[in-house]
């Protein structure tokens, strides 16, 4: 098969058949390499997925083996693949459930940490608001000038119409209304 691959390196079936030989020679890593090449050339190659699944099974990669064999079955049903899936399925389910459990716990921890951070920000905001309210209360009036009359510049009824009320001639230098 190597000679065939050298003659025409774009045929996925040659890579898949060489992968089968590697698998039977107990060289699953080489089989996986050829299967991946075959799949890159032809993503619908049932044989490539079959031997990839068997090779992953030989290496103990239960999840990859299960998924590869399932993919192989989706293209072409064979009894040996079906039997291999039945053999792998308990290991796959156990590993998959374990990963799902840890993913769920990781997500719960992330949400709990986000809530703690939000609560801490809220407490800091409320503390800042209380400090601002205390500071304003110590000045004697909200929004006013410290030490003066409550509510701002009260005591000047009527405002200042026509310039600076009570000063004849308006603004000095002739700058006013």
N, C-alpha and C. Protein backbone atom coordinates (compact mmCIF):
# COMPACT_ATOMS: atom_id res chain seq x y z
N UNK A 1 0.82 -1.21 0.00
CA UNK A 1 0.00 0.00 0.00
C UNK A 1 0.86 1.25 0.00
N UNK A 2 2.04 1.17 0.57
CA UNK A 2 2.92 2.33 0.58
C UNK A 2 3.29 2.72 -0.84
N UNK A 3 3.56 1.72 -1.71
CA UNK A 3 3.88 2.01 -3.11
C UNK A 3 2.70 2.66 -3.81
N UNK A 4 1.51 2.19 -3.51
CA UNK A 4 0.31 2.77 -4.09
C UNK A 4 0.12 4.22 -3.63
N UNK A 5 0.42 4.47 -2.37
CA UNK A 5 0.30 5.83 -1.83
C UNK A 5 1.32 6.74 -2.48
N UNK A 6 2.55 6.23 -2.68
CA UNK A 6 3.58 7.04 -3.34
C UNK A 6 3.20 7.35 -4.78
N UNK A 7 2.54 6.40 -5.45
CA UNK A 7 2.13 6.61 -6.83
C UNK A 7 0.96 7.59 -6.92
N UNK A 8 0.04 7.53 -5.98
CA UNK A 8 -1.13 8.42 -6.00
C UNK A 8 -1.50 8.79 -4.56
N UNK A 9 -0.90 9.85 -4.02
CA UNK A 9 -1.13 10.21 -2.61
C UNK A 9 -2.47 10.87 -2.32
N UNK A 10 -3.37 10.90 -3.28
CA UNK A 10 -4.67 11.54 -3.06
C UNK A 10 -5.79 10.53 -2.92
N UNK A 11 -5.49 9.24 -2.87
CA UNK A 11 -6.51 8.20 -2.74
C UNK A 11 -6.67 7.81 -1.27
N UNK A 12 -7.81 8.14 -0.71
CA UNK A 12 -8.07 7.87 0.71
C UNK A 12 -8.12 6.38 0.99
N UNK A 13 -8.61 5.59 0.05
CA UNK A 13 -8.76 4.16 0.28
C UNK A 13 -7.40 3.49 0.52
N UNK A 14 -6.36 3.97 -0.11
CA UNK A 14 -5.02 3.40 0.11
C UNK A 14 -4.55 3.67 1.55
N UNK A 15 -4.78 4.88 2.03
CA UNK A 15 -4.41 5.20 3.41
C UNK A 15 -5.22 4.36 4.39
N UNK A 16 -6.51 4.17 4.11
CA UNK A 16 -7.35 3.39 5.00
C UNK A 16 -6.91 1.92 5.03
N UNK A 17 -6.54 1.37 3.88
CA UNK A 17 -6.10 -0.03 3.84
C UNK A 17 -4.74 -0.19 4.52
N UNK A 18 -3.86 0.79 4.35
CA UNK A 18 -2.57 0.70 5.04
C UNK A 18 -2.80 0.84 6.56
N UNK A 19 -3.76 1.65 6.94
CA UNK A 19 -4.09 1.77 8.37
C UNK A 19 -4.57 0.43 8.92
N UNK A 20 -5.35 -0.30 8.14
CA UNK A 20 -5.81 -1.62 8.57
C UNK A 20 -4.61 -2.55 8.79
N UNK A 21 -3.65 -2.48 7.88
CA UNK A 21 -2.44 -3.31 8.04
C UNK A 21 -1.67 -2.91 9.29
N UNK A 22 -1.51 -1.60 9.51
CA UNK A 22 -0.82 -1.14 10.71
C UNK A 22 -1.53 -1.62 11.98
N UNK A 23 -2.85 -1.55 11.96
CA UNK A 23 -3.62 -2.00 13.12
C UNK A 23 -3.37 -3.48 13.39
N UNK A 24 -3.40 -4.28 12.32
CA UNK A 24 -3.19 -5.72 12.48
C UNK A 24 -1.76 -6.05 12.89
N UNK A 25 -0.82 -5.15 12.56
CA UNK A 25 0.57 -5.32 13.00
C UNK A 25 0.80 -4.76 14.40
N UNK A 26 -0.29 -4.36 15.05
CA UNK A 26 -0.25 -3.78 16.41
C UNK A 26 0.56 -2.48 16.45
N UNK A 27 0.31 -1.64 15.47
CA UNK A 27 0.91 -0.31 15.41
C UNK A 27 -0.23 0.73 15.30
N UNK A 28 -0.98 0.89 16.40
CA UNK A 28 -2.16 1.76 16.32
C UNK A 28 -1.84 3.23 16.08
N UNK A 29 -0.70 3.71 16.55
CA UNK A 29 -0.37 5.12 16.34
C UNK A 29 -0.18 5.40 14.84
N UNK A 30 0.49 4.49 14.14
CA UNK A 30 0.68 4.65 12.70
C UNK A 30 -0.66 4.51 11.97
N UNK A 31 -1.51 3.61 12.46
CA UNK A 31 -2.83 3.45 11.86
C UNK A 31 -3.65 4.74 12.02
N UNK A 32 -3.56 5.34 13.18
CA UNK A 32 -4.30 6.60 13.43
C UNK A 32 -3.83 7.68 12.48
N UNK A 33 -2.51 7.77 12.28
CA UNK A 33 -1.95 8.78 11.37
C UNK A 33 -2.52 8.59 9.96
N UNK A 34 -2.52 7.33 9.47
CA UNK A 34 -3.04 7.08 8.12
C UNK A 34 -4.54 7.30 8.04
N UNK A 35 -5.27 6.96 9.08
CA UNK A 35 -6.72 7.19 9.08
C UNK A 35 -7.04 8.67 9.01
N UNK A 36 -6.31 9.46 9.76
CA UNK A 36 -6.54 10.91 9.73
C UNK A 36 -6.25 11.49 8.36
N UNK A 37 -5.22 10.97 7.71
CA UNK A 37 -4.90 11.42 6.35
C UNK A 37 -6.02 11.00 5.39
N UNK A 38 -6.51 9.77 5.53
CA UNK A 38 -7.60 9.29 4.68
C UNK A 38 -8.86 10.13 4.88
N UNK A 39 -9.14 10.48 6.13
CA UNK A 39 -10.33 11.29 6.42
C UNK A 39 -10.18 12.70 5.87
N UNK A 40 -8.96 13.22 5.90
CA UNK A 40 -8.75 14.56 5.33
C UNK A 40 -8.96 14.54 3.81
N UNK A 41 -8.65 13.41 3.18
CA UNK A 41 -8.86 13.29 1.74
C UNK A 41 -10.32 12.97 1.39
N UNK A 42 -10.96 12.16 2.24
CA UNK A 42 -12.35 11.77 2.01
C UNK A 42 -13.07 11.68 3.36
N UNK A 43 -13.77 12.74 3.75
CA UNK A 43 -14.43 12.75 5.06
C UNK A 43 -15.55 11.72 5.21
N UNK A 44 -15.95 11.07 4.12
CA UNK A 44 -17.02 10.07 4.17
C UNK A 44 -16.49 8.64 4.10
N UNK A 45 -15.25 8.45 4.45
CA UNK A 45 -14.63 7.13 4.36
C UNK A 45 -14.97 6.29 5.59
N UNK A 46 -15.87 5.33 5.42
CA UNK A 46 -16.28 4.46 6.52
C UNK A 46 -15.10 3.62 7.00
N UNK A 47 -14.27 3.14 6.08
CA UNK A 47 -13.13 2.31 6.46
C UNK A 47 -12.14 3.09 7.32
N UNK A 48 -11.90 4.34 6.96
CA UNK A 48 -10.96 5.16 7.73
C UNK A 48 -11.47 5.35 9.16
N UNK A 49 -12.76 5.64 9.32
CA UNK A 49 -13.33 5.81 10.65
C UNK A 49 -13.32 4.49 11.42
N UNK A 50 -13.55 3.39 10.71
CA UNK A 50 -13.54 2.08 11.35
C UNK A 50 -12.17 1.78 11.95
N UNK A 51 -11.12 1.94 11.15
CA UNK A 51 -9.78 1.61 11.64
C UNK A 51 -9.28 2.64 12.64
N UNK A 52 -9.74 3.87 12.50
CA UNK A 52 -9.42 4.89 13.49
C UNK A 52 -10.05 4.51 14.84
N UNK A 53 -11.29 4.05 14.80
CA UNK A 53 -11.97 3.62 16.02
C UNK A 53 -11.29 2.42 16.66
N UNK A 54 -10.95 1.43 15.83
CA UNK A 54 -10.27 0.24 16.37
C UNK A 54 -8.91 0.61 16.96
N UNK A 55 -8.19 1.51 16.31
CA UNK A 55 -6.87 1.92 16.81
C UNK A 55 -6.98 2.68 18.12
N UNK A 56 -7.97 3.58 18.20
CA UNK A 56 -8.19 4.30 19.45
C UNK A 56 -8.61 3.34 20.57
N UNK A 57 -9.39 2.33 20.22
CA UNK A 57 -9.78 1.32 21.20
C UNK A 57 -8.54 0.58 21.71
N UNK A 58 -7.64 0.25 20.81
CA UNK A 58 -6.41 -0.46 21.20
C UNK A 58 -5.56 0.39 22.15
N UNK A 59 -5.62 1.71 21.98
CA UNK A 59 -4.84 2.60 22.84
C UNK A 59 -5.60 2.99 24.12
N UNK A 60 -6.85 2.57 24.22
CA UNK A 60 -7.63 2.90 25.41
C UNK A 60 -8.28 4.26 25.35
N UNK A 61 -8.35 4.86 24.18
CA UNK A 61 -9.03 6.15 24.00
C UNK A 61 -10.51 5.86 23.73
N UNK A 62 -11.24 5.55 24.79
CA UNK A 62 -12.59 5.04 24.66
C UNK A 62 -13.55 6.03 24.01
N UNK A 63 -13.45 7.28 24.38
CA UNK A 63 -14.36 8.28 23.79
C UNK A 63 -14.14 8.42 22.30
N UNK A 64 -12.88 8.60 21.92
CA UNK A 64 -12.56 8.75 20.49
C UNK A 64 -12.96 7.49 19.72
N UNK A 65 -12.66 6.33 20.31
CA UNK A 65 -13.00 5.07 19.65
C UNK A 65 -14.51 4.97 19.43
N UNK A 66 -15.27 5.26 20.45
CA UNK A 66 -16.73 5.18 20.35
C UNK A 66 -17.26 6.11 19.27
N UNK A 67 -16.79 7.36 19.29
CA UNK A 67 -17.28 8.35 18.32
C UNK A 67 -16.86 7.99 16.90
N UNK A 68 -15.63 7.49 16.73
CA UNK A 68 -15.17 7.09 15.40
C UNK A 68 -15.96 5.91 14.87
N UNK A 69 -16.21 4.93 15.71
CA UNK A 69 -16.97 3.76 15.28
C UNK A 69 -18.42 4.12 14.98
N UNK A 70 -18.99 5.03 15.76
CA UNK A 70 -20.35 5.51 15.47
C UNK A 70 -20.40 6.18 14.09
N UNK A 71 -19.38 6.98 13.82
CA UNK A 71 -19.31 7.67 12.52
C UNK A 71 -19.18 6.64 11.40
N UNK A 72 -18.38 5.61 11.62
CA UNK A 72 -18.22 4.56 10.62
C UNK A 72 -19.56 3.89 10.34
N UNK A 73 -20.31 3.60 11.41
CA UNK A 73 -21.63 2.98 11.23
C UNK A 73 -22.60 3.89 10.49
N UNK A 74 -22.44 5.18 10.63
CA UNK A 74 -23.35 6.10 9.94
C UNK A 74 -23.14 6.04 8.42
N UNK A 75 -21.95 5.62 8.00
CA UNK A 75 -21.67 5.50 6.56
C UNK A 75 -21.93 4.09 6.04
N UNK A 76 -21.56 3.08 6.86
CA UNK A 76 -21.66 1.70 6.40
C UNK A 76 -21.74 0.77 7.60
N UNK A 77 -22.79 -0.04 7.66
CA UNK A 77 -22.95 -0.94 8.80
C UNK A 77 -22.12 -2.20 8.58
N UNK A 78 -21.33 -2.56 9.60
CA UNK A 78 -20.64 -3.85 9.62
C UNK A 78 -20.77 -4.44 11.01
N UNK A 79 -20.84 -5.75 11.07
CA UNK A 79 -21.03 -6.43 12.35
C UNK A 79 -19.86 -6.22 13.29
N UNK A 80 -18.63 -6.23 12.76
CA UNK A 80 -17.47 -6.08 13.65
C UNK A 80 -17.45 -4.71 14.31
N UNK A 81 -17.87 -3.68 13.60
CA UNK A 81 -17.93 -2.34 14.19
C UNK A 81 -19.04 -2.29 15.24
N UNK A 82 -20.17 -2.88 14.91
CA UNK A 82 -21.29 -2.91 15.86
C UNK A 82 -20.89 -3.63 17.14
N UNK A 83 -20.21 -4.76 17.01
CA UNK A 83 -19.76 -5.52 18.18
C UNK A 83 -18.74 -4.71 19.00
N UNK A 84 -17.85 -4.01 18.32
CA UNK A 84 -16.85 -3.19 19.01
C UNK A 84 -17.51 -2.06 19.80
N UNK A 85 -18.54 -1.47 19.21
CA UNK A 85 -19.27 -0.39 19.91
C UNK A 85 -19.93 -0.94 21.17
N UNK A 86 -20.52 -2.11 21.07
CA UNK A 86 -21.16 -2.72 22.25
C UNK A 86 -20.13 -3.00 23.33
N UNK A 87 -18.93 -3.34 22.94
CA UNK A 87 -17.86 -3.62 23.90
C UNK A 87 -17.34 -2.33 24.56
N UNK A 88 -17.27 -1.26 23.78
CA UNK A 88 -16.71 0.02 24.24
C UNK A 88 -17.73 0.84 25.02
N UNK A 89 -18.99 0.67 24.71
CA UNK A 89 -20.04 1.55 25.24
C UNK A 89 -20.02 1.75 26.75
N UNK A 90 -19.86 0.71 27.57
CA UNK A 90 -19.84 0.94 29.03
C UNK A 90 -18.72 1.88 29.45
N UNK A 91 -17.53 1.69 28.89
CA UNK A 91 -16.40 2.58 29.22
C UNK A 91 -16.68 4.00 28.76
N UNK A 92 -17.21 4.12 27.55
CA UNK A 92 -17.52 5.45 27.01
C UNK A 92 -18.53 6.16 27.90
N UNK A 93 -19.59 5.47 28.27
CA UNK A 93 -20.64 6.09 29.09
C UNK A 93 -20.09 6.53 30.44
N UNK A 94 -19.28 5.68 31.05
CA UNK A 94 -18.72 6.02 32.36
C UNK A 94 -17.83 7.27 32.26
N UNK A 95 -16.97 7.31 31.26
CA UNK A 95 -16.08 8.46 31.08
C UNK A 95 -16.88 9.70 30.72
N UNK A 96 -17.85 9.54 29.83
CA UNK A 96 -18.65 10.68 29.39
C UNK A 96 -19.45 11.27 30.56
N UNK A 97 -20.05 10.42 31.38
CA UNK A 97 -20.81 10.89 32.54
C UNK A 97 -19.89 11.60 33.53
N UNK A 98 -18.70 11.06 33.70
CA UNK A 98 -17.73 11.69 34.60
C UNK A 98 -17.37 13.09 34.10
N UNK A 99 -17.10 13.21 32.81
CA UNK A 99 -16.77 14.52 32.24
C UNK A 99 -17.94 15.49 32.35
N UNK A 100 -19.13 14.99 32.11
CA UNK A 100 -20.32 15.85 32.20
C UNK A 100 -20.49 16.34 33.64
N UNK A 101 -20.24 15.45 34.61
CA UNK A 101 -20.35 15.83 36.01
C UNK A 101 -19.37 16.94 36.34
N UNK A 102 -18.12 16.79 35.89
CA UNK A 102 -17.11 17.81 36.19
C UNK A 102 -17.37 19.10 35.44
N UNK A 103 -17.89 19.00 34.23
CA UNK A 103 -18.26 20.22 33.49
C UNK A 103 -19.37 20.96 34.22
N UNK A 104 -20.36 20.20 34.72
CA UNK A 104 -21.47 20.81 35.46
C UNK A 104 -20.95 21.47 36.74
N UNK A 105 -20.08 20.77 37.46
CA UNK A 105 -19.52 21.33 38.70
C UNK A 105 -18.68 22.57 38.40
N UNK A 106 -17.91 22.53 37.33
CA UNK A 106 -17.10 23.68 36.95
C UNK A 106 -17.99 24.88 36.62
N UNK A 107 -19.09 24.63 35.93
CA UNK A 107 -20.02 25.70 35.59
C UNK A 107 -20.70 26.26 36.84
N UNK A 108 -21.09 25.37 37.75
CA UNK A 108 -21.70 25.84 39.01
C UNK A 108 -20.71 26.68 39.81
N UNK A 109 -19.45 26.27 39.84
CA UNK A 109 -18.42 27.03 40.56
C UNK A 109 -18.23 28.40 39.91
N UNK A 110 -18.22 28.43 38.59
CA UNK A 110 -18.06 29.70 37.88
C UNK A 110 -19.22 30.64 38.19
N UNK A 111 -20.43 30.11 38.19
CA UNK A 111 -21.61 30.93 38.49
C UNK A 111 -21.55 31.42 39.93
N UNK A 112 -21.17 30.53 40.87
CA UNK A 112 -21.06 30.91 42.28
C UNK A 112 -20.02 32.02 42.45
N UNK A 113 -18.88 31.91 41.76
CA UNK A 113 -17.84 32.94 41.84
C UNK A 113 -18.32 34.27 41.25
N UNK A 114 -19.07 34.19 40.16
CA UNK A 114 -19.62 35.41 39.57
C UNK A 114 -20.60 36.09 40.53
N UNK A 115 -21.43 35.28 41.21
CA UNK A 115 -22.38 35.84 42.17
C UNK A 115 -21.64 36.49 43.34
N UNK A 116 -20.59 35.84 43.83
CA UNK A 116 -19.80 36.42 44.92
C UNK A 116 -19.18 37.74 44.50
N UNK A 117 -18.65 37.79 43.30
CA UNK A 117 -18.03 39.02 42.81
C UNK A 117 -19.08 40.12 42.67
N UNK A 118 -20.27 39.75 42.16
CA UNK A 118 -21.34 40.73 42.01
C UNK A 118 -21.77 41.25 43.38
N UNK A 119 -21.91 40.36 44.35
CA UNK A 119 -22.30 40.77 45.70
C UNK A 119 -21.24 41.68 46.33
N UNK A 120 -19.97 41.34 46.11
CA UNK A 120 -18.89 42.18 46.65
C UNK A 120 -18.93 43.57 46.02
N UNK A 121 -19.15 43.63 44.70
CA UNK A 121 -19.26 44.94 44.04
C UNK A 121 -20.45 45.72 44.57
N UNK A 122 -21.58 45.03 44.79
CA UNK A 122 -22.78 45.69 45.30
C UNK A 122 -22.53 46.24 46.71
N UNK A 123 -21.86 45.45 47.56
CA UNK A 123 -21.56 45.91 48.92
C UNK A 123 -20.62 47.11 48.89
N UNK A 124 -19.62 47.08 48.01
CA UNK A 124 -18.70 48.21 47.90
C UNK A 124 -19.44 49.45 47.42
N UNK A 125 -20.35 49.27 46.47
CA UNK A 125 -21.14 50.39 45.97
C UNK A 125 -22.00 50.98 47.09
N UNK A 126 -22.67 50.11 47.85
CA UNK A 126 -23.52 50.60 48.95
C UNK A 126 -22.69 51.28 50.02
N UNK A 127 -21.52 50.75 50.32
CA UNK A 127 -20.64 51.37 51.31
C UNK A 127 -20.20 52.75 50.82
N UNK A 128 -19.88 52.85 49.55
CA UNK A 128 -19.49 54.14 48.96
C UNK A 128 -20.64 55.14 49.04
N UNK A 129 -21.85 54.66 48.77
CA UNK A 129 -23.02 55.54 48.84
C UNK A 129 -23.23 56.04 50.27
N UNK A 130 -23.09 55.14 51.24
CA UNK A 130 -23.25 55.54 52.64
C UNK A 130 -22.19 56.55 53.03
N UNK A 131 -20.95 56.34 52.58
CA UNK A 131 -19.87 57.28 52.89
C UNK A 131 -20.15 58.64 52.26
N UNK A 132 -20.67 58.66 51.05
CA UNK A 132 -21.01 59.93 50.39
C UNK A 132 -22.14 60.63 51.14
N UNK A 133 -23.14 59.86 51.58
CA UNK A 133 -24.26 60.44 52.31
C UNK A 133 -23.79 61.01 53.64
N UNK A 134 -22.87 60.33 54.32
CA UNK A 134 -22.32 60.82 55.58
C UNK A 134 -21.55 62.11 55.35
N UNK A 135 -20.76 62.14 54.28
CA UNK A 135 -19.96 63.33 53.98
C UNK A 135 -20.87 64.52 53.70
N UNK A 136 -21.92 64.30 52.97
CA UNK A 136 -22.84 65.39 52.66
C UNK A 136 -23.59 65.83 53.90
N UNK A 137 -23.93 64.91 54.77
CA UNK A 137 -24.65 65.26 55.99
C UNK A 137 -23.77 66.08 56.92
N UNK A 138 -22.47 65.85 56.91
CA UNK A 138 -21.59 66.60 57.79
C UNK A 138 -21.44 68.05 57.33
N UNK A 139 -21.71 68.34 56.10
CA UNK A 139 -21.65 69.72 55.60
C UNK A 139 -22.91 70.49 55.94
N UNK A 140 -23.95 69.85 56.28
CA UNK A 140 -25.16 70.53 56.72
C UNK A 140 -26.22 70.67 55.66
N UNK A 141 -25.91 70.51 54.41
CA UNK A 141 -26.94 70.64 53.39
C UNK A 141 -26.56 69.81 52.17
N UNK A 142 -27.53 69.18 51.58
CA UNK A 142 -27.24 68.39 50.39
C UNK A 142 -27.06 69.31 49.19
N UNK A 143 -25.97 69.20 48.53
CA UNK A 143 -25.73 69.97 47.32
C UNK A 143 -25.42 71.42 47.56
N UNK A 144 -25.42 71.89 48.79
CA UNK A 144 -25.17 73.30 49.08
C UNK A 144 -23.70 73.56 49.33
N UNK A 145 -23.41 74.77 49.75
CA UNK A 145 -22.03 75.13 50.04
C UNK A 145 -21.79 74.93 51.53
N UNK A 146 -20.72 74.31 51.90
CA UNK A 146 -20.50 74.01 53.32
C UNK A 146 -20.37 75.26 54.17
N UNK A 147 -21.03 75.23 55.34
CA UNK A 147 -20.90 76.30 56.30
C UNK A 147 -21.80 77.49 56.06
N UNK A 148 -22.52 77.51 54.99
CA UNK A 148 -23.40 78.64 54.71
C UNK A 148 -24.83 78.29 55.05
N UNK A 149 -25.72 79.10 54.55
CA UNK A 149 -27.13 78.89 54.84
C UNK A 149 -27.63 77.60 54.20
N UNK A 150 -28.56 76.93 54.85
CA UNK A 150 -29.09 75.69 54.28
C UNK A 150 -29.76 75.94 52.95
N UNK A 151 -29.54 75.01 52.03
CA UNK A 151 -30.22 75.13 50.73
C UNK A 151 -29.50 76.03 49.76
N UNK A 152 -28.31 76.41 49.98
CA UNK A 152 -27.58 77.22 49.01
C UNK A 152 -27.52 78.67 49.44
N UNK A 153 -27.68 79.58 48.52
CA UNK A 153 -27.52 81.00 48.76
C UNK A 153 -28.87 81.67 49.01
N UNK A 154 -29.64 81.16 49.95
CA UNK A 154 -30.92 81.79 50.26
C UNK A 154 -30.71 83.15 50.89
N UNK A 155 -31.77 83.87 51.20
CA UNK A 155 -31.65 85.16 51.85
C UNK A 155 -31.52 86.30 50.87
N UNK A 156 -31.45 86.03 49.60
CA UNK A 156 -31.40 87.09 48.59
C UNK A 156 -32.67 86.99 47.77
N UNK A 157 -33.75 87.53 48.30
CA UNK A 157 -35.03 87.38 47.61
C UNK A 157 -35.03 88.05 46.25
N UNK A 158 -35.69 87.37 45.33
CA UNK A 158 -35.87 87.97 44.01
C UNK A 158 -34.70 87.78 43.08
N UNK A 159 -33.65 87.19 43.51
CA UNK A 159 -32.52 86.96 42.61
C UNK A 159 -31.77 88.23 42.33
N UNK A 160 -31.22 88.34 41.15
CA UNK A 160 -30.43 89.51 40.78
C UNK A 160 -30.86 90.05 39.43
N UNK A 161 -32.01 90.68 39.34
CA UNK A 161 -32.43 91.20 38.03
C UNK A 161 -31.62 92.42 37.63
N UNK A 162 -31.33 92.53 36.37
CA UNK A 162 -30.65 93.72 35.83
C UNK A 162 -29.24 93.89 36.31
N UNK A 163 -28.51 92.86 36.42
CA UNK A 163 -27.11 92.99 36.84
C UNK A 163 -26.96 92.56 38.27
N UNK A 164 -26.19 93.26 39.06
CA UNK A 164 -25.88 92.88 40.43
C UNK A 164 -26.78 93.65 41.38
N UNK A 165 -28.03 93.42 41.40
CA UNK A 165 -29.03 94.11 42.20
C UNK A 165 -28.50 95.01 43.31
N UNK A 166 -28.93 96.22 43.34
CA UNK A 166 -28.52 97.14 44.38
C UNK A 166 -27.27 97.90 44.03
N UNK A 167 -26.62 97.58 42.94
CA UNK A 167 -25.41 98.32 42.57
C UNK A 167 -25.76 99.17 41.35
N UNK A 168 -25.83 100.44 41.52
CA UNK A 168 -26.21 101.28 40.39
C UNK A 168 -25.17 101.21 39.28
N UNK A 169 -25.67 101.18 38.05
CA UNK A 169 -24.77 101.18 36.92
C UNK A 169 -24.41 99.80 36.41
N UNK A 170 -24.89 98.78 37.03
CA UNK A 170 -24.62 97.41 36.57
C UNK A 170 -23.21 96.97 36.86
N UNK A 171 -22.61 96.22 35.97
CA UNK A 171 -21.26 95.67 36.16
C UNK A 171 -20.23 96.74 35.91
N UNK A 172 -19.14 96.68 36.60
CA UNK A 172 -18.08 97.66 36.38
C UNK A 172 -17.49 97.52 35.00
N UNK A 173 -17.12 98.59 34.41
CA UNK A 173 -16.54 98.59 33.06
C UNK A 173 -17.59 98.52 31.98
N UNK A 174 -18.86 98.61 32.33
CA UNK A 174 -19.93 98.58 31.36
C UNK A 174 -20.18 97.23 30.76
N UNK A 175 -19.84 96.15 31.47
CA UNK A 175 -19.97 94.81 30.92
C UNK A 175 -21.32 94.19 31.25
N UNK A 176 -22.25 94.62 31.61
CA UNK A 176 -23.46 93.92 31.95
C UNK A 176 -24.65 94.51 31.25
N UNK A 177 -25.75 93.81 31.35
CA UNK A 177 -27.00 94.06 30.77
C UNK A 177 -27.56 95.34 30.76
